N, C-alpha and C. Protein backbone atom coordinates (compact mmCIF):
# COMPACT_ATOMS: atom_id res chain seq x y z
N MET A 1 -96.45 232.41 179.81
CA MET A 1 -97.11 231.35 179.67
C MET A 1 -96.88 230.80 181.08
N VAL A 2 -97.71 229.90 181.50
CA VAL A 2 -97.47 229.05 182.92
C VAL A 2 -96.80 228.01 182.67
N PRO A 3 -95.61 227.72 183.45
CA PRO A 3 -94.99 226.32 183.42
C PRO A 3 -95.97 225.46 183.93
N ALA A 4 -95.65 224.27 183.19
CA ALA A 4 -96.30 223.17 183.45
C ALA A 4 -96.11 222.08 185.08
N PRO A 5 -96.89 221.94 185.59
CA PRO A 5 -96.54 221.01 186.82
C PRO A 5 -95.63 220.35 186.77
N ARG A 6 -94.62 219.35 187.56
CA ARG A 6 -93.90 218.72 187.54
C ARG A 6 -93.88 217.69 188.27
N LEU A 7 -93.90 216.72 188.18
CA LEU A 7 -93.76 215.20 189.10
C LEU A 7 -92.82 215.57 190.14
N PRO A 8 -92.66 215.22 191.34
CA PRO A 8 -91.95 215.40 192.54
C PRO A 8 -90.27 214.45 192.15
N LEU A 9 -89.25 215.12 192.46
CA LEU A 9 -88.26 214.47 192.34
C LEU A 9 -87.77 213.21 192.46
N GLY A 10 -87.75 212.26 191.55
CA GLY A 10 -87.18 210.79 192.15
C GLY A 10 -88.62 209.91 191.96
N PHE A 11 -90.01 210.54 191.61
CA PHE A 11 -91.10 209.84 191.54
C PHE A 11 -91.23 208.85 190.21
N ARG A 12 -91.74 207.84 190.24
CA ARG A 12 -91.87 206.99 189.22
C ARG A 12 -92.97 206.13 189.32
N PRO A 13 -93.99 206.87 188.44
CA PRO A 13 -95.38 206.53 188.44
C PRO A 13 -95.37 204.74 188.59
N ARG A 14 -96.01 203.90 189.01
CA ARG A 14 -96.50 202.53 188.94
C ARG A 14 -96.75 202.22 187.59
N GLY A 15 -96.23 201.00 187.01
CA GLY A 15 -96.73 200.61 185.92
C GLY A 15 -95.52 199.71 185.05
N PRO A 16 -95.75 199.31 183.78
CA PRO A 16 -94.73 198.86 183.04
C PRO A 16 -93.50 199.96 183.12
N ARG A 17 -92.37 199.30 183.32
CA ARG A 17 -90.90 199.89 183.33
C ARG A 17 -90.42 200.26 182.13
N SER A 18 -89.97 200.96 181.30
CA SER A 18 -89.22 201.18 180.22
C SER A 18 -88.15 200.61 180.16
N PRO A 19 -87.46 199.96 179.20
CA PRO A 19 -86.35 199.32 179.05
C PRO A 19 -85.10 200.41 179.36
N ASP A 20 -85.08 201.69 179.22
CA ASP A 20 -83.78 202.41 179.70
C ASP A 20 -84.47 203.04 180.90
N ALA A 21 -85.60 202.72 181.76
CA ALA A 21 -85.43 203.22 183.01
C ALA A 21 -84.80 202.64 184.19
N PRO A 22 -83.96 203.66 185.24
CA PRO A 22 -82.82 203.57 186.12
C PRO A 22 -83.36 201.78 186.90
N THR A 23 -82.64 201.40 187.21
CA THR A 23 -82.64 200.14 188.18
C THR A 23 -82.31 200.63 189.80
N ALA A 24 -82.52 199.97 190.50
CA ALA A 24 -82.18 199.98 191.96
C ALA A 24 -80.75 200.17 192.64
N HIS A 25 -80.10 199.98 191.48
CA HIS A 25 -78.12 200.05 191.36
C HIS A 25 -77.80 201.41 191.05
N ASP A 26 -78.95 202.13 190.05
CA ASP A 26 -78.47 203.28 189.71
C ASP A 26 -78.11 204.40 190.96
N GLU A 27 -77.94 205.39 190.72
CA GLU A 27 -77.83 206.61 191.55
C GLU A 27 -78.96 207.47 191.76
N ARG A 28 -79.60 207.62 193.09
CA ARG A 28 -80.78 208.27 192.98
C ARG A 28 -80.62 209.51 193.16
N PRO A 29 -81.65 210.56 192.69
CA PRO A 29 -81.62 211.75 192.89
C PRO A 29 -81.74 212.19 194.43
N GLU A 30 -81.26 213.35 194.54
CA GLU A 30 -81.52 213.78 195.95
C GLU A 30 -82.86 213.82 196.27
N VAL A 31 -83.72 213.58 197.30
CA VAL A 31 -85.01 214.08 197.53
C VAL A 31 -85.26 215.49 197.83
N SER A 32 -86.24 216.35 197.60
CA SER A 32 -86.23 217.63 198.10
C SER A 32 -87.32 217.23 199.53
N SER A 33 -86.73 218.40 200.52
CA SER A 33 -87.31 218.50 201.57
C SER A 33 -88.94 219.03 201.87
N TYR A 34 -89.07 219.59 200.70
CA TYR A 34 -90.70 220.08 200.65
C TYR A 34 -90.77 220.04 199.07
N TYR A 35 -92.68 219.91 198.93
CA TYR A 35 -93.02 219.69 197.57
C TYR A 35 -94.63 220.70 197.67
N ASP A 36 -93.97 222.04 196.68
CA ASP A 36 -95.31 222.82 196.87
C ASP A 36 -96.34 222.47 195.31
N CYS A 37 -97.46 222.40 196.10
CA CYS A 37 -98.26 222.58 194.84
C CYS A 37 -99.43 223.80 194.74
N PHE A 38 -99.54 224.17 193.52
CA PHE A 38 -100.53 225.34 193.54
C PHE A 38 -101.62 225.13 192.89
N ILE A 39 -103.14 225.70 193.61
CA ILE A 39 -104.24 224.89 193.24
C ILE A 39 -105.11 225.84 193.05
N ALA A 40 -105.37 225.87 191.90
CA ALA A 40 -106.77 226.56 191.30
C ALA A 40 -108.36 226.29 192.00
N GLY A 41 -109.04 227.19 192.09
CA GLY A 41 -110.37 226.62 192.41
C GLY A 41 -110.68 226.85 193.72
N ASP A 42 -111.52 226.12 194.59
CA ASP A 42 -112.13 226.04 195.65
C ASP A 42 -111.23 225.45 196.61
N HIS A 43 -110.75 226.32 197.45
CA HIS A 43 -109.63 225.75 198.44
C HIS A 43 -110.11 224.77 199.63
N GLU A 44 -111.58 224.75 199.99
CA GLU A 44 -111.96 223.11 200.70
C GLU A 44 -111.74 221.86 200.07
N SER A 45 -112.45 222.26 198.69
CA SER A 45 -112.24 221.28 198.03
C SER A 45 -110.84 220.73 198.01
N ALA A 46 -110.10 221.27 197.48
CA ALA A 46 -108.70 220.87 197.28
C ALA A 46 -108.25 220.29 198.41
N LYS A 47 -108.04 220.87 199.77
CA LYS A 47 -107.75 220.18 200.97
C LYS A 47 -108.42 218.83 201.00
N HIS A 48 -109.77 218.44 200.71
CA HIS A 48 -110.26 217.08 200.57
C HIS A 48 -109.78 216.30 199.39
N ILE A 49 -108.86 216.86 198.57
CA ILE A 49 -108.43 216.19 197.56
C ILE A 49 -107.23 215.47 198.15
N ILE A 50 -106.41 216.57 198.67
CA ILE A 50 -105.03 216.13 199.49
C ILE A 50 -105.29 215.16 200.41
N ALA A 51 -106.33 215.47 201.60
CA ALA A 51 -106.66 214.07 202.58
C ALA A 51 -106.90 212.92 201.93
N ASN A 52 -107.32 213.06 200.94
CA ASN A 52 -108.06 211.44 200.28
C ASN A 52 -106.62 211.07 199.76
N ALA A 53 -105.74 211.81 199.13
CA ALA A 53 -104.51 211.33 198.46
C ALA A 53 -103.65 210.95 199.74
N LEU A 54 -103.30 211.84 200.83
CA LEU A 54 -102.81 211.52 201.73
C LEU A 54 -103.11 209.63 202.79
N ASN A 55 -104.70 209.95 202.74
CA ASN A 55 -105.54 208.74 203.04
C ASN A 55 -104.70 207.20 202.14
N SER A 56 -104.77 207.44 201.14
CA SER A 56 -104.67 206.42 200.01
C SER A 56 -103.04 206.30 200.36
N GLN A 57 -102.21 206.77 200.95
CA GLN A 57 -100.67 206.45 201.17
C GLN A 57 -100.71 205.49 202.50
N GLY A 58 -101.59 205.41 203.24
CA GLY A 58 -101.87 204.91 204.70
C GLY A 58 -101.70 205.95 205.59
N PHE A 59 -102.07 207.33 205.52
CA PHE A 59 -101.60 208.33 206.43
C PHE A 59 -102.88 208.67 207.14
N LEU A 60 -102.88 208.85 208.46
CA LEU A 60 -104.21 209.77 209.17
C LEU A 60 -103.87 211.14 209.41
N VAL A 61 -104.58 212.03 208.68
CA VAL A 61 -104.63 213.81 208.90
C VAL A 61 -105.25 214.11 209.99
N GLU A 62 -104.17 214.48 211.02
CA GLU A 62 -104.54 215.55 212.29
C GLU A 62 -104.64 216.97 211.47
N VAL A 63 -105.87 217.80 211.93
CA VAL A 63 -105.72 218.83 211.99
C VAL A 63 -105.02 219.84 213.01
N GLN A 64 -104.44 220.75 212.78
CA GLN A 64 -103.82 221.63 213.75
C GLN A 64 -104.85 222.63 214.30
N PRO A 65 -104.39 223.40 215.59
CA PRO A 65 -105.52 224.27 215.40
C PRO A 65 -104.78 225.81 214.63
N ASP A 66 -103.70 225.85 214.29
CA ASP A 66 -103.63 226.87 212.55
C ASP A 66 -104.20 226.57 211.67
N GLY A 67 -104.94 225.64 211.35
CA GLY A 67 -105.21 224.93 210.11
C GLY A 67 -104.31 224.13 209.17
N ASN A 68 -103.20 224.08 209.76
CA ASN A 68 -102.15 223.08 208.80
C ASN A 68 -102.60 221.69 209.62
N TRP A 69 -101.59 220.86 208.99
CA TRP A 69 -102.00 219.17 209.25
C TRP A 69 -100.90 218.67 209.32
N TYR A 70 -100.95 217.46 210.16
CA TYR A 70 -99.56 216.39 210.28
C TYR A 70 -100.44 215.04 209.95
N ALA A 71 -99.57 214.74 208.90
CA ALA A 71 -99.74 213.14 208.08
C ALA A 71 -99.12 212.05 208.79
N ARG A 72 -99.62 211.40 209.56
CA ARG A 72 -99.01 210.18 209.96
C ARG A 72 -99.44 209.00 209.83
N ARG A 73 -98.29 207.86 210.05
CA ARG A 73 -98.56 206.36 209.76
C ARG A 73 -97.55 205.74 210.21
N GLY A 74 -98.15 204.74 210.50
CA GLY A 74 -97.16 203.63 211.20
C GLY A 74 -97.38 203.86 213.07
N ASN A 75 -96.45 203.30 213.99
CA ASN A 75 -96.46 202.92 215.08
C ASN A 75 -95.13 203.57 215.82
N MET A 76 -95.27 204.62 216.65
CA MET A 76 -94.21 205.45 217.13
C MET A 76 -93.21 203.99 217.98
N SER A 77 -93.98 203.39 218.79
CA SER A 77 -93.46 202.46 219.82
C SER A 77 -92.57 201.25 219.34
N THR A 78 -93.09 200.87 218.07
CA THR A 78 -92.40 199.89 217.55
C THR A 78 -91.40 200.35 216.69
N THR A 79 -91.46 201.81 216.15
CA THR A 79 -90.40 202.55 215.72
C THR A 79 -89.27 202.57 216.78
N MET A 80 -89.69 203.19 217.62
CA MET A 80 -88.49 203.56 218.77
C MET A 80 -87.83 201.97 219.10
N LEU A 81 -88.42 201.00 219.29
CA LEU A 81 -88.04 199.79 219.63
C LEU A 81 -86.86 199.33 218.73
N VAL A 82 -87.85 199.12 217.29
CA VAL A 82 -86.69 198.66 216.40
C VAL A 82 -86.36 199.25 215.15
N GLY A 83 -86.38 200.28 215.48
CA GLY A 83 -85.79 201.21 214.25
C GLY A 83 -86.54 201.51 212.76
N ALA A 84 -85.57 201.65 211.92
CA ALA A 84 -86.06 200.91 210.56
C ALA A 84 -86.59 199.70 210.48
N PHE A 85 -86.10 198.72 211.21
CA PHE A 85 -86.48 197.12 210.95
C PHE A 85 -87.94 197.16 211.51
N ALA A 86 -88.86 198.40 211.68
CA ALA A 86 -90.03 198.37 211.80
C ALA A 86 -91.16 197.96 210.65
N GLY A 87 -90.64 197.90 209.59
CA GLY A 87 -91.49 197.32 208.50
C GLY A 87 -91.87 198.57 207.87
N ASP A 88 -93.55 198.09 208.05
CA ASP A 88 -94.66 199.29 207.75
C ASP A 88 -95.50 199.75 208.84
N ASN A 89 -94.34 199.15 209.63
CA ASN A 89 -95.15 199.89 211.25
C ASN A 89 -93.95 201.24 211.49
N PHE A 90 -93.31 201.30 210.94
CA PHE A 90 -92.25 202.26 210.93
C PHE A 90 -93.01 203.71 210.86
N GLN A 91 -92.85 204.39 211.93
CA GLN A 91 -93.93 205.93 211.93
C GLN A 91 -93.07 207.04 210.88
N ILE A 92 -94.10 207.53 210.41
CA ILE A 92 -93.57 208.44 209.45
C ILE A 92 -94.43 209.76 209.46
N THR A 93 -94.11 210.78 209.71
CA THR A 93 -94.81 212.11 210.13
C THR A 93 -94.85 213.26 209.02
N PHE A 94 -95.43 213.69 208.36
CA PHE A 94 -95.30 214.71 207.40
C PHE A 94 -96.45 215.78 207.72
N GLY A 95 -95.48 217.04 207.51
CA GLY A 95 -96.30 218.31 207.74
C GLY A 95 -96.91 218.70 206.31
N VAL A 96 -98.43 219.27 206.64
CA VAL A 96 -98.65 219.77 205.44
C VAL A 96 -99.14 221.46 205.61
N GLN A 97 -98.60 222.47 205.28
CA GLN A 97 -98.92 223.69 205.59
C GLN A 97 -99.80 224.12 204.26
N PHE A 98 -100.43 225.37 204.70
CA PHE A 98 -101.25 225.62 203.79
C PHE A 98 -101.22 227.53 203.61
N PHE A 99 -100.89 227.98 202.41
CA PHE A 99 -101.00 229.31 202.23
C PHE A 99 -101.52 229.81 201.15
N VAL A 100 -101.83 231.19 201.09
CA VAL A 100 -102.33 231.45 199.77
C VAL A 100 -101.51 232.62 199.22
N ASP A 101 -101.08 232.15 197.99
CA ASP A 101 -100.07 233.03 197.06
C ASP A 101 -100.86 234.50 196.44
N ALA A 102 -100.12 235.36 195.79
CA ALA A 102 -100.33 236.60 195.71
C ALA A 102 -101.24 236.39 194.14
N ALA A 103 -101.69 235.09 193.92
CA ALA A 103 -102.78 234.97 192.70
C ALA A 103 -103.90 234.60 193.46
N GLY A 104 -103.91 234.33 194.83
CA GLY A 104 -104.94 234.00 195.37
C GLY A 104 -105.46 232.18 195.36
N ARG A 105 -104.45 231.88 194.97
CA ARG A 105 -104.44 230.20 194.59
C ARG A 105 -103.97 229.76 196.13
N LEU A 106 -104.68 228.67 196.35
CA LEU A 106 -103.84 227.88 197.67
C LEU A 106 -102.77 226.96 197.27
N VAL A 107 -101.71 227.23 198.38
CA VAL A 107 -100.55 226.49 198.22
C VAL A 107 -100.65 225.47 199.31
N ALA A 108 -100.40 224.15 199.06
CA ALA A 108 -100.40 223.27 199.80
C ALA A 108 -98.87 222.76 199.72
N ARG A 109 -98.08 222.84 200.97
CA ARG A 109 -96.47 222.21 200.89
C ARG A 109 -96.68 220.68 202.05
N LEU A 110 -96.15 220.42 201.14
CA LEU A 110 -96.05 219.13 201.89
C LEU A 110 -94.60 218.79 202.13
N ASP A 111 -94.32 218.88 203.90
CA ASP A 111 -92.82 219.06 204.24
C ASP A 111 -92.47 217.73 205.15
N LYS A 112 -91.26 217.41 205.09
CA LYS A 112 -90.81 216.15 205.53
C LYS A 112 -89.62 216.99 206.31
N ASN A 113 -89.66 216.01 207.96
CA ASN A 113 -88.67 216.60 208.68
C ASN A 113 -87.46 215.49 208.91
N THR A 114 -86.46 215.50 208.20
CA THR A 114 -85.53 214.43 208.24
C THR A 114 -84.80 213.98 209.71
N ALA A 115 -84.54 215.36 210.15
CA ALA A 115 -83.87 215.07 211.62
C ALA A 115 -84.51 214.09 212.30
N VAL A 116 -85.68 214.01 212.39
CA VAL A 116 -86.53 213.32 213.43
C VAL A 116 -85.98 211.86 212.68
N GLY A 117 -86.17 211.73 211.29
CA GLY A 117 -86.23 210.08 210.77
C GLY A 117 -84.87 209.70 211.24
N PHE A 118 -83.92 210.29 211.36
CA PHE A 118 -82.48 210.00 211.28
C PHE A 118 -82.51 209.51 212.72
N PHE A 119 -83.46 209.94 213.56
CA PHE A 119 -83.16 209.52 214.97
C PHE A 119 -84.19 208.27 215.53
N LYS A 120 -85.00 208.04 214.57
CA LYS A 120 -86.16 207.08 214.35
C LYS A 120 -84.93 205.77 214.27
N GLY A 121 -84.20 205.85 212.84
CA GLY A 121 -83.94 204.80 212.17
C GLY A 121 -82.47 204.68 211.33
N GLY A 122 -81.95 205.92 211.64
CA GLY A 122 -80.50 206.37 211.34
C GLY A 122 -80.66 206.37 209.53
N VAL A 123 -79.74 205.90 208.88
CA VAL A 123 -79.39 206.21 207.55
C VAL A 123 -80.63 205.11 206.89
N TRP A 124 -80.81 203.76 207.50
CA TRP A 124 -82.10 203.63 206.84
C TRP A 124 -83.80 204.20 206.90
N GLY A 125 -83.55 204.70 208.13
CA GLY A 125 -85.02 205.37 208.56
C GLY A 125 -85.07 206.71 207.47
N LEU A 126 -83.83 207.26 207.11
CA LEU A 126 -84.11 208.55 206.24
C LEU A 126 -84.43 208.01 204.90
N SER A 127 -84.23 206.67 204.44
CA SER A 127 -84.51 206.39 203.21
C SER A 127 -85.56 205.85 203.12
N LYS A 128 -86.30 205.44 204.15
CA LYS A 128 -87.92 205.24 204.15
C LYS A 128 -88.37 206.11 204.34
N ILE A 129 -88.16 207.30 205.06
CA ILE A 129 -88.74 208.45 204.74
C ILE A 129 -88.87 209.28 203.20
N ASP A 130 -87.68 209.26 202.59
CA ASP A 130 -87.32 209.75 201.66
C ASP A 130 -88.41 209.01 200.25
N ASN A 131 -88.29 207.78 200.47
CA ASN A 131 -89.19 206.80 199.54
C ASN A 131 -90.62 207.12 200.03
N ALA A 132 -91.00 207.12 200.90
CA ALA A 132 -92.48 207.55 201.52
C ALA A 132 -92.83 209.28 200.94
N PHE A 133 -92.03 210.14 201.50
CA PHE A 133 -92.02 211.42 200.62
C PHE A 133 -92.25 211.27 199.13
N THR A 134 -91.66 210.91 198.87
CA THR A 134 -91.50 210.68 197.07
C THR A 134 -92.88 210.09 196.44
N GLN A 135 -93.33 208.80 197.20
CA GLN A 135 -94.53 208.28 196.41
C GLN A 135 -95.49 209.13 197.07
N THR A 136 -95.72 209.59 198.39
CA THR A 136 -96.76 210.24 198.58
C THR A 136 -96.88 211.77 198.17
N ALA A 137 -95.70 212.28 197.76
CA ALA A 137 -96.05 213.65 197.13
C ALA A 137 -96.54 213.30 195.50
N GLY A 138 -96.02 212.21 195.04
CA GLY A 138 -96.58 211.58 193.67
C GLY A 138 -97.89 211.38 194.01
N ALA A 139 -98.66 211.05 194.86
CA ALA A 139 -99.97 210.94 195.01
C ALA A 139 -100.89 211.94 195.13
N VAL A 140 -100.19 213.07 195.78
CA VAL A 140 -100.93 214.35 195.83
C VAL A 140 -100.94 215.22 194.60
N TYR A 141 -99.46 215.14 193.89
CA TYR A 141 -99.66 215.47 192.47
C TYR A 141 -100.61 214.79 191.72
N THR A 142 -100.88 213.49 191.32
CA THR A 142 -101.57 212.85 190.57
C THR A 142 -102.97 213.33 190.82
N ALA A 143 -103.52 213.23 192.34
CA ALA A 143 -105.01 213.55 192.34
C ALA A 143 -105.23 214.55 192.26
N LEU A 144 -104.15 215.91 192.25
CA LEU A 144 -104.71 217.05 192.21
C LEU A 144 -104.82 217.26 190.76
N LEU A 145 -103.91 216.62 189.86
CA LEU A 145 -103.79 217.11 188.52
C LEU A 145 -105.18 216.29 187.80
N SER A 146 -105.57 215.01 188.32
CA SER A 146 -106.56 214.40 187.68
C SER A 146 -107.86 215.11 188.07
N ALA A 147 -107.81 216.01 189.19
CA ALA A 147 -109.25 216.66 189.41
C ALA A 147 -109.22 217.90 188.54
N GLY A 148 -108.10 218.46 187.79
CA GLY A 148 -108.04 219.25 187.11
C GLY A 148 -107.60 220.70 187.74
N VAL A 149 -107.30 220.62 188.98
CA VAL A 149 -106.91 221.98 189.88
C VAL A 149 -105.41 222.53 189.98
N LEU A 150 -104.57 221.76 189.45
CA LEU A 150 -102.94 221.90 189.76
C LEU A 150 -102.47 222.72 188.75
N THR A 151 -102.19 223.90 189.12
CA THR A 151 -101.30 224.64 188.11
C THR A 151 -99.79 224.75 188.12
N ASN A 152 -98.96 224.51 189.11
CA ASN A 152 -97.67 224.62 188.98
C ASN A 152 -97.31 223.55 189.93
N THR A 153 -95.86 223.51 190.33
CA THR A 153 -95.54 223.06 191.45
C THR A 153 -94.29 223.51 191.77
N ALA A 154 -93.79 223.21 193.15
CA ALA A 154 -92.32 223.80 193.25
C ALA A 154 -91.39 222.67 194.39
N GLU A 155 -90.30 222.81 194.39
CA GLU A 155 -89.78 222.05 195.66
C GLU A 155 -88.41 222.27 195.74
N GLY A 156 -88.30 222.13 197.04
CA GLY A 156 -86.74 222.67 197.58
C GLY A 156 -86.50 221.90 198.80
């Protein structure tokens, strides 16, 4: 039996809160440094779904010569000048790596680089990156699940 895909750790879909939902003062789970999506079907179609999910979160996708992506949002100058206080202009960059598993499924890995976030905005910068990573992984998860191509997930 194939395990069902799991939501990213810490992801909470937007919508009405349940009475027992954690509040902002509750302890947050540690956010993963990568989130893998195992995808059935056409690889190029899946990449378009992922790109649209990243765009919906405000990221621009840059395709690298090796076929992997950088997803960026925000402004580096503003971030370097005022750090975590840059608000929506705080620059965040995630890597997206693609590879094929033994079963021939496309694996898309959303990867964050916490070291860069610390230098951009200290602890507050890391928190901004963690929040953005959780929401972005959730958007990718939701888009792939809605398209019926997500077969499994892993994180670490």
